[in-house]
């Protein structure tokens, strides 16, 4: 039979490590930029929105389709950058420890 106290300690340890990781992700700043550079989004590593810069030329109501396209491009760019950052910081040993 498994030791309930040991399992509780393990759960607490995992929760603590997850909170630390979330804190670290929030400190990591990542931007995404549209191909034209007219939209730049600022988010953190926890995928929380922080700010957006939009070129004034896209604020014309007739440019809404272009604005949406630029926002989509900027978000995709952000996602690619975030994935690269995550892989740099990826610690296989720590992940293995969390799963054991």
C-alpha atoms as a PDB file:
ATOM      1  CA  UNK A   1       0.000   0.000   0.000  1.00  0.00           C
ATOM      2  CA  UNK A   2       1.284   3.436  -0.901  1.00  0.00           C
ATOM      3  CA  UNK A   3       2.284   5.842   1.845  1.00  0.00           C
ATOM      4  CA  UNK A   4      -0.391   8.598   1.942  1.00  0.00           C
ATOM      5  CA  UNK A   5       1.936  11.056   3.709  1.00  0.00           C
ATOM      6  CA  UNK A   6       4.609  10.501   1.088  1.00  0.00           C
ATOM      7  CA  UNK A   7       2.089  11.075  -1.669  1.00  0.00           C
ATOM      8  CA  UNK A   8       0.939  14.302  -0.010  1.00  0.00           C
ATOM      9  CA  UNK A   9       4.553  15.500   0.213  1.00  0.00           C
ATOM     10  CA  UNK A  10       5.054  14.685  -3.458  1.00  0.00           C
ATOM     11  CA  UNK A  11       1.880  16.556  -4.406  1.00  0.00           C
ATOM     12  CA  UNK A  12       2.953  19.574  -2.368  1.00  0.00           C
ATOM     13  CA  UNK A  13       6.395  19.499  -3.992  1.00  0.00           C
ATOM     14  CA  UNK A  14       4.844  19.337  -7.475  1.00  0.00           C
ATOM     15  CA  UNK A  15       2.503  22.244  -6.700  1.00  0.00           C
ATOM     16  CA  UNK A  16       5.383  24.315  -5.392  1.00  0.00           C
ATOM     17  CA  UNK A  17       7.486  23.586  -8.489  1.00  0.00           C
ATOM     18  CA  UNK A  18       4.542  24.429 -10.768  1.00  0.00           C
ATOM     19  CA  UNK A  19       4.055  27.774  -8.990  1.00  0.00           C
ATOM     20  CA  UNK A  20       7.751  28.561  -9.346  1.00  0.00           C
ATOM     21  CA  UNK A  21       7.619  27.728 -13.036  1.00  0.00           C
ATOM     22  CA  UNK A  22       4.548  29.955 -13.508  1.00  0.00           C
ATOM     23  CA  UNK A  23       6.333  32.802 -11.719  1.00  0.00           C
ATOM     24  CA  UNK A  24       9.359  32.365 -13.986  1.00  0.00           C
ATOM     25  CA  UNK A  25       7.142  32.333 -17.089  1.00  0.00           C
ATOM     26  CA  UNK A  26       5.437  35.575 -16.057  1.00  0.00           C
ATOM     27  CA  UNK A  27       8.835  37.288 -15.846  1.00  0.00           C
ATOM     28  CA  UNK A  28       9.752  36.197 -19.376  1.00  0.00           C
ATOM     29  CA  UNK A  29       8.756  38.851 -21.919  1.00  0.00           C
ATOM     30  CA  UNK A  30       8.089  37.872 -25.537  1.00  0.00           C
ATOM     31  CA  UNK A  31       6.915  40.049 -28.421  1.00  0.00           C
ATOM     32  CA  UNK A  32       5.277  39.020 -31.649  1.00  0.00           C
ATOM     33  CA  UNK A  33       5.390  41.159 -34.759  1.00  0.00           C
ATOM     34  CA  UNK A  34       3.345  41.077 -37.949  1.00  0.00           C
ATOM     35  CA  UNK A  35       5.228  40.681 -41.223  1.00  0.00           C
ATOM     36  CA  UNK A  36       4.697  44.354 -42.011  1.00  0.00           C
ATOM     37  CA  UNK A  37       5.771  45.389 -38.503  1.00  0.00           C
ATOM     38  CA  UNK A  38       2.574  47.406 -38.106  1.00  0.00           C
ATOM     39  CA  UNK A  39       1.292  45.300 -35.191  1.00  0.00           C
ATOM     40  CA  UNK A  40       3.442  44.261 -32.240  1.00  0.00           C
ATOM     41  CA  UNK A  41       1.996  42.321 -29.323  1.00  0.00           C
ATOM     42  CA  UNK A  42       3.694  42.081 -25.952  1.00  0.00           C
ATOM     43  CA  UNK A  43       2.996  39.010 -23.853  1.00  0.00           C
ATOM     44  CA  UNK A  44       4.745  37.015 -21.180  1.00  0.00           C
ATOM     45  CA  UNK A  45       5.877  33.405 -21.156  1.00  0.00           C
ATOM     46  CA  UNK A  46       2.652  32.380 -19.404  1.00  0.00           C
ATOM     47  CA  UNK A  47       0.807  33.545 -22.531  1.00  0.00           C
ATOM     48  CA  UNK A  48      -0.759  36.503 -20.753  1.00  0.00           C
ATOM     49  CA  UNK A  49      -1.373  39.644 -22.815  1.00  0.00           C
ATOM     50  CA  UNK A  50       0.516  42.735 -21.658  1.00  0.00           C
ATOM     51  CA  UNK A  51       0.349  45.361 -24.417  1.00  0.00           C
ATOM     52  CA  UNK A  52      -0.113  45.962 -28.152  1.00  0.00           C
ATOM     53  CA  UNK A  53       1.296  48.523 -30.572  1.00  0.00           C
ATOM     54  CA  UNK A  54      -0.769  49.247 -33.689  1.00  0.00           C
ATOM     55  CA  UNK A  55       0.364  51.507 -36.520  1.00  0.00           C
ATOM     56  CA  UNK A  56      -2.137  54.360 -36.902  1.00  0.00           C
ATOM     57  CA  UNK A  57      -2.675  53.572 -40.588  1.00  0.00           C
ATOM     58  CA  UNK A  58      -4.485  50.380 -39.541  1.00  0.00           C
ATOM     59  CA  UNK A  59      -6.967  52.228 -37.341  1.00  0.00           C
ATOM     60  CA  UNK A  60      -9.020  53.372 -40.318  1.00  0.00           C
ATOM     61  CA  UNK A  61     -12.326  51.404 -40.333  1.00  0.00           C
ATOM     62  CA  UNK A  62     -11.657  50.413 -43.949  1.00  0.00           C
ATOM     63  CA  UNK A  63      -8.463  48.671 -42.822  1.00  0.00           C
ATOM     64  CA  UNK A  64     -10.138  46.267 -40.348  1.00  0.00           C
ATOM     65  CA  UNK A  65      -9.361  43.192 -42.476  1.00  0.00           C
ATOM     66  CA  UNK A  66      -5.701  44.190 -42.732  1.00  0.00           C
ATOM     67  CA  UNK A  67      -5.579  44.931 -39.000  1.00  0.00           C
ATOM     68  CA  UNK A  68      -6.978  41.483 -38.173  1.00  0.00           C
ATOM     69  CA  UNK A  69      -4.451  39.822 -40.497  1.00  0.00           C
ATOM     70  CA  UNK A  70      -1.589  41.747 -38.895  1.00  0.00           C
ATOM     71  CA  UNK A  71      -2.780  40.792 -35.402  1.00  0.00           C
ATOM     72  CA  UNK A  72      -2.946  37.130 -36.392  1.00  0.00           C
ATOM     73  CA  UNK A  73       0.570  37.294 -37.865  1.00  0.00           C
ATOM     74  CA  UNK A  74       1.889  38.986 -34.723  1.00  0.00           C
ATOM     75  CA  UNK A  75       0.352  36.316 -32.484  1.00  0.00           C
ATOM     76  CA  UNK A  76       1.788  33.486 -34.608  1.00  0.00           C
ATOM     77  CA  UNK A  77       5.181  35.178 -34.456  1.00  0.00           C
ATOM     78  CA  UNK A  78       4.866  35.432 -30.668  1.00  0.00           C
ATOM     79  CA  UNK A  79       4.015  31.718 -30.442  1.00  0.00           C
ATOM     80  CA  UNK A  80       7.091  30.741 -32.469  1.00  0.00           C
ATOM     81  CA  UNK A  81       9.349  32.909 -30.325  1.00  0.00           C
ATOM     82  CA  UNK A  82       7.816  31.532 -27.130  1.00  0.00           C
ATOM     83  CA  UNK A  83       8.367  27.946 -28.279  1.00  0.00           C
ATOM     84  CA  UNK A  84      12.041  28.725 -28.980  1.00  0.00           C
ATOM     85  CA  UNK A  85      12.423  30.344 -25.553  1.00  0.00           C
ATOM     86  CA  UNK A  86      10.740  27.401 -23.850  1.00  0.00           C
ATOM     87  CA  UNK A  87      13.055  24.923 -25.566  1.00  0.00           C
ATOM     88  CA  UNK A  88      16.105  26.921 -24.421  1.00  0.00           C
ATOM     89  CA  UNK A  89      14.910  26.771 -20.821  1.00  0.00           C
ATOM     90  CA  UNK A  90      13.594  23.223 -21.023  1.00  0.00           C
ATOM     91  CA  UNK A  91      15.196  21.147 -18.280  1.00  0.00           C
ATOM     92  CA  UNK A  92      14.668  17.468 -18.998  1.00  0.00           C
ATOM     93  CA  UNK A  93      16.080  16.370 -15.636  1.00  0.00           C
ATOM     94  CA  UNK A  94      13.662  18.623 -13.755  1.00  0.00           C
ATOM     95  CA  UNK A  95      10.732  17.329 -15.823  1.00  0.00           C
ATOM     96  CA  UNK A  96      11.763  13.726 -15.152  1.00  0.00           C
ATOM     97  CA  UNK A  97      11.970  14.522 -11.450  1.00  0.00           C
ATOM     98  CA  UNK A  98       8.475  15.968 -11.478  1.00  0.00           C
ATOM     99  CA  UNK A  99       7.093  12.864 -13.198  1.00  0.00           C
ATOM    100  CA  UNK A 100       8.787  10.356 -10.870  1.00  0.00           C
END
